[in-house]
PDB file of N, CA and C in Angstrom:
ATOM      1  N   MET A   1       0.835  -1.188   0.000  1.00  0.00           N
ATOM      2  CA  MET A   1       0.000   0.000   0.000  1.00  0.00           C
ATOM      3  C   MET A   1       0.874   1.243   0.000  1.00  0.00           C
ATOM      4  N   SER A   2       0.444   2.198  -0.722  1.00  0.00           N
ATOM      5  CA  SER A   2       1.249   3.406  -0.811  1.00  0.00           C
ATOM      6  C   SER A   2       0.768   4.530   0.095  1.00  0.00           C
ATOM      7  N   GLY A   3      -0.402   4.395   0.674  1.00  0.00           N
ATOM      8  CA  GLY A   3      -0.886   5.461   1.539  1.00  0.00           C
ATOM      9  C   GLY A   3      -2.309   5.237   1.987  1.00  0.00           C
ATOM     10  N   ALA A   4      -2.835   6.207   2.719  1.00  0.00           N
ATOM     11  CA  ALA A   4      -4.177   6.100   3.282  1.00  0.00           C
ATOM     12  C   ALA A   4      -5.246   5.948   2.212  1.00  0.00           C
ATOM     13  N   SER A   5      -5.029   6.485   1.036  1.00  0.00           N
ATOM     14  CA  SER A   5      -6.047   6.394  -0.010  1.00  0.00           C
ATOM     15  C   SER A   5      -6.227   4.964  -0.501  1.00  0.00           C
ATOM     16  N   ASP A   6      -5.274   4.071  -0.181  1.00  0.00           N
ATOM     17  CA  ASP A   6      -5.378   2.676  -0.582  1.00  0.00           C
ATOM     18  C   ASP A   6      -6.203   1.841   0.394  1.00  0.00           C
ATOM     19  N   LEU A   7      -6.566   2.407   1.529  1.00  0.00           N
ATOM     20  CA  LEU A   7      -7.316   1.668   2.532  1.00  0.00           C
ATOM     21  C   LEU A   7      -8.761   1.476   2.107  1.00  0.00           C
ATOM     22  N   LEU A   8      -9.324   0.355   2.485  1.00  0.00           N
ATOM     23  CA  LEU A   8     -10.736   0.084   2.243  1.00  0.00           C
ATOM     24  C   LEU A   8     -11.551   0.994   3.160  1.00  0.00           C
ATOM     25  N   THR A   9     -12.433   1.777   2.603  1.00  0.00           N
ATOM     26  CA  THR A   9     -13.183   2.732   3.415  1.00  0.00           C
ATOM     27  C   THR A   9     -14.678   2.450   3.450  1.00  0.00           C
ATOM     28  N   THR A  10     -15.125   1.350   2.875  1.00  0.00           N
ATOM     29  CA  THR A  10     -16.550   1.037   2.903  1.00  0.00           C
ATOM     30  C   THR A  10     -16.901   0.307   4.199  1.00  0.00           C
ATOM     31  N   MET A  11     -18.141   0.450   4.613  1.00  0.00           N
ATOM     32  CA  MET A  11     -18.645  -0.194   5.814  1.00  0.00           C
ATOM     33  C   MET A  11     -19.277  -1.524   5.409  1.00  0.00           C
ATOM     34  N   PRO A  12     -19.003  -2.603   6.148  1.00  0.00           N
ATOM     35  CA  PRO A  12     -19.646  -3.874   5.829  1.00  0.00           C
ATOM     36  C   PRO A  12     -21.162  -3.754   5.993  1.00  0.00           C
ATOM     37  N   ALA A  13     -21.893  -4.528   5.224  1.00  0.00           N
ATOM     38  CA  ALA A  13     -23.354  -4.508   5.288  1.00  0.00           C
ATOM     39  C   ALA A  13     -23.865  -5.823   5.875  1.00  0.00           C
ATOM     40  N   LEU A  14     -24.927  -5.735   6.653  1.00  0.00           N
ATOM     41  CA  LEU A  14     -25.576  -6.941   7.150  1.00  0.00           C
ATOM     42  C   LEU A  14     -26.340  -7.589   6.013  1.00  0.00           C
ATOM     43  N   ILE A  15     -26.425  -8.912   6.054  1.00  0.00           N
ATOM     44  CA  ILE A  15     -27.160  -9.644   5.032  1.00  0.00           C
ATOM     45  C   ILE A  15     -28.212 -10.500   5.716  1.00  0.00           C
ATOM     46  N   PRO A  16     -29.257 -10.867   4.993  1.00  0.00           N
ATOM     47  CA  PRO A  16     -30.245 -11.785   5.574  1.00  0.00           C
ATOM     48  C   PRO A  16     -29.597 -13.143   5.851  1.00  0.00           C
ATOM     49  N   PRO A  17     -30.177 -13.933   6.757  1.00  0.00           N
ATOM     50  CA  PRO A  17     -29.624 -15.262   7.024  1.00  0.00           C
ATOM     51  C   PRO A  17     -29.490 -16.057   5.727  1.00  0.00           C
ATOM     52  N   THR A  18     -28.387 -16.778   5.620  1.00  0.00           N
ATOM     53  CA  THR A  18     -28.133 -17.592   4.433  1.00  0.00           C
ATOM     54  C   THR A  18     -27.354 -18.838   4.823  1.00  0.00           C
ATOM     55  N   GLU A  19     -27.552 -19.895   4.104  1.00  0.00           N
ATOM     56  CA  GLU A  19     -26.866 -21.162   4.366  1.00  0.00           C
ATOM     57  C   GLU A  19     -25.350 -21.008   4.270  1.00  0.00           C
ATOM     58  N   ARG A  20     -24.899 -20.056   3.483  1.00  0.00           N
ATOM     59  CA  ARG A  20     -23.463 -19.860   3.256  1.00  0.00           C
ATOM     60  C   ARG A  20     -22.700 -19.548   4.549  1.00  0.00           C
ATOM     61  N   VAL A  21     -23.338 -18.890   5.510  1.00  0.00           N
ATOM     62  CA  VAL A  21     -22.653 -18.500   6.752  1.00  0.00           C
ATOM     63  C   VAL A  21     -23.116 -19.308   7.966  1.00  0.00           C
ATOM     64  N   ARG A  22     -23.885 -20.344   7.730  1.00  0.00           N
ATOM     65  CA  ARG A  22     -24.457 -21.138   8.823  1.00  0.00           C
ATOM     66  C   ARG A  22     -23.393 -21.701   9.754  1.00  0.00           C
ATOM     67  N   THR A  23     -22.356 -22.309   9.195  1.00  0.00           N
ATOM     68  CA  THR A  23     -21.327 -22.951  10.009  1.00  0.00           C
ATOM     69  C   THR A  23     -20.606 -21.942  10.889  1.00  0.00           C
ATOM     70  N   SER A  24     -20.235 -20.796  10.341  1.00  0.00           N
ATOM     71  CA  SER A  24     -19.521 -19.808  11.152  1.00  0.00           C
ATOM     72  C   SER A  24     -20.449 -19.188  12.195  1.00  0.00           C
ATOM     73  N   PHE A  25     -21.727 -19.031  11.869  1.00  0.00           N
ATOM     74  CA  PHE A  25     -22.690 -18.512  12.848  1.00  0.00           C
ATOM     75  C   PHE A  25     -22.819 -19.473  14.028  1.00  0.00           C
ATOM     76  N   LEU A  26     -22.956 -20.766  13.736  1.00  0.00           N
ATOM     77  CA  LEU A  26     -23.085 -21.754  14.811  1.00  0.00           C
ATOM     78  C   LEU A  26     -21.821 -21.805  15.664  1.00  0.00           C
ATOM     79  N   ALA A  27     -20.658 -21.657  15.055  1.00  0.00           N
ATOM     80  CA  ALA A  27     -19.406 -21.630  15.815  1.00  0.00           C
ATOM     81  C   ALA A  27     -19.363 -20.406  16.723  1.00  0.00           C
ATOM     82  N   ALA A  28     -19.789 -19.264  16.216  1.00  0.00           N
ATOM     83  CA  ALA A  28     -19.808 -18.042  17.032  1.00  0.00           C
ATOM     84  C   ALA A  28     -20.769 -18.187  18.201  1.00  0.00           C
ATOM     85  N   MET A  29     -21.930 -18.772  17.976  1.00  0.00           N
ATOM     86  CA  MET A  29     -22.890 -18.961  19.060  1.00  0.00           C
ATOM     87  C   MET A  29     -22.354 -19.944  20.103  1.00  0.00           C
ATOM     88  N   ALA A  30     -21.620 -20.958  19.670  1.00  0.00           N
ATOM     89  CA  ALA A  30     -21.006 -21.892  20.620  1.00  0.00           C
ATOM     90  C   ALA A  30     -19.973 -21.160  21.486  1.00  0.00           C
ATOM     91  N   GLU A  31     -19.237 -20.232  20.895  1.00  0.00           N
ATOM     92  CA  GLU A  31     -18.290 -19.429  21.672  1.00  0.00           C
ATOM     93  C   GLU A  31     -19.018 -18.586  22.716  1.00  0.00           C
ATOM     94  N   PHE A  32     -20.138 -17.975  22.339  1.00  0.00           N
ATOM     95  CA  PHE A  32     -20.924 -17.194  23.296  1.00  0.00           C
ATOM     96  C   PHE A  32     -21.354 -18.066  24.466  1.00  0.00           C
ATOM     97  N   ARG A  33     -21.865 -19.271  24.162  1.00  0.00           N
ATOM     98  CA  ARG A  33     -22.310 -20.169  25.236  1.00  0.00           C
ATOM     99  C   ARG A  33     -21.140 -20.585  26.126  1.00  0.00           C
ATOM    100  N   ALA A  34     -19.974 -20.832  25.535  1.00  0.00           N
ATOM    101  CA  ALA A  34     -18.794 -21.220  26.308  1.00  0.00           C
ATOM    102  C   ALA A  34     -18.357 -20.093  27.245  1.00  0.00           C
ATOM    103  N   GLU A  35     -18.656 -18.857  26.872  1.00  0.00           N
ATOM    104  CA  GLU A  35     -18.334 -17.697  27.715  1.00  0.00           C
ATOM    105  C   GLU A  35     -19.418 -17.439  28.759  1.00  0.00           C
ATOM    106  N   GLY A  36     -20.463 -18.263  28.767  1.00  0.00           N
ATOM    107  CA  GLY A  36     -21.540 -18.083  29.720  1.00  0.00           C
ATOM    108  C   GLY A  36     -22.606 -17.105  29.250  1.00  0.00           C
ATOM    109  N   ARG A  37     -22.572 -16.754  28.001  1.00  0.00           N
ATOM    110  CA  ARG A  37     -23.566 -15.821  27.465  1.00  0.00           C
ATOM    111  C   ARG A  37     -24.632 -16.601  26.701  1.00  0.00           C
ATOM    112  N   GLY A  38     -25.765 -15.971  26.496  1.00  0.00           N
ATOM    113  CA  GLY A  38     -26.833 -16.599  25.731  1.00  0.00           C
ATOM    114  C   GLY A  38     -27.863 -17.321  26.564  1.00  0.00           C
ATOM    115  N   ASP A  39     -27.713 -17.294  27.896  1.00  0.00           N
ATOM    116  CA  ASP A  39     -28.725 -17.934  28.732  1.00  0.00           C
ATOM    117  C   ASP A  39     -29.853 -16.948  29.036  1.00  0.00           C
ATOM    118  N   ARG A  40     -30.813 -17.348  29.811  1.00  0.00           N
ATOM    119  CA  ARG A  40     -31.991 -16.505  30.078  1.00  0.00           C
ATOM    120  C   ARG A  40     -31.651 -15.223  30.841  1.00  0.00           C
ATOM    121  N   GLN A  41     -30.540 -15.218  31.581  1.00  0.00           N
ATOM    122  CA  GLN A  41     -30.139 -14.016  32.311  1.00  0.00           C
ATOM    123  C   GLN A  41     -29.362 -13.027  31.439  1.00  0.00           C
ATOM    124  N   ASP A  42     -29.005 -13.434  30.244  1.00  0.00           N
ATOM    125  CA  ASP A  42     -28.257 -12.583  29.319  1.00  0.00           C
ATOM    126  C   ASP A  42     -29.246 -11.671  28.598  1.00  0.00           C
ATOM    127  N   HIS A  43     -29.127 -10.388  28.829  1.00  0.00           N
ATOM    128  CA  HIS A  43     -30.043  -9.433  28.202  1.00  0.00           C
ATOM    129  C   HIS A  43     -29.355  -8.651  27.082  1.00  0.00           C
ATOM    130  N   SER A  44     -28.415  -9.285  26.408  1.00  0.00           N
ATOM    131  CA  SER A  44     -27.702  -8.656  25.299  1.00  0.00           C
ATOM    132  C   SER A  44     -28.429  -8.956  23.989  1.00  0.00           C
ATOM    133  N   MET A  45     -27.855  -8.487  22.907  1.00  0.00           N
ATOM    134  CA  MET A  45     -28.439  -8.749  21.581  1.00  0.00           C
ATOM    135  C   MET A  45     -28.405 -10.225  21.215  1.00  0.00           C
ATOM    136  N   VAL A  46     -27.569 -11.006  21.891  1.00  0.00           N
ATOM    137  CA  VAL A  46     -27.496 -12.446  21.605  1.00  0.00           C
ATOM    138  C   VAL A  46     -28.849 -13.098  21.859  1.00  0.00           C
ATOM    139  N   THR A  47     -29.560 -12.658  22.886  1.00  0.00           N
ATOM    140  CA  THR A  47     -30.835 -13.277  23.232  1.00  0.00           C
ATOM    141  C   THR A  47     -32.043 -12.390  22.932  1.00  0.00           C
ATOM    142  N   ALA A  48     -31.843 -11.267  22.297  1.00  0.00           N
ATOM    143  CA  ALA A  48     -32.925 -10.303  22.094  1.00  0.00           C
ATOM    144  C   ALA A  48     -34.027 -10.821  21.171  1.00  0.00           C
ATOM    145  N   HIS A  49     -33.741 -11.760  20.308  1.00  0.00           N
ATOM    146  CA  HIS A  49     -34.723 -12.182  19.312  1.00  0.00           C
ATOM    147  C   HIS A  49     -35.175 -13.620  19.512  1.00  0.00           C
ATOM    148  N   ARG A  50     -35.202 -14.059  20.741  1.00  0.00           N
ATOM    149  CA  ARG A  50     -35.674 -15.416  21.018  1.00  0.00           C
ATOM    150  C   ARG A  50     -37.153 -15.525  20.880  1.00  0.00           C
TER     151      ARG A  50
END
């Protein structure tokens, strides 16, 4: 890279659920559970849409 103008400046976009990301989503949720998050006492976005 030659300078700041070469940096990616776009913001990632959320996408609807898709089979393509299923495996990584399930792995991320397993990490949350291993950290003790995602149970009924967790009032974060992890459990907001149950």
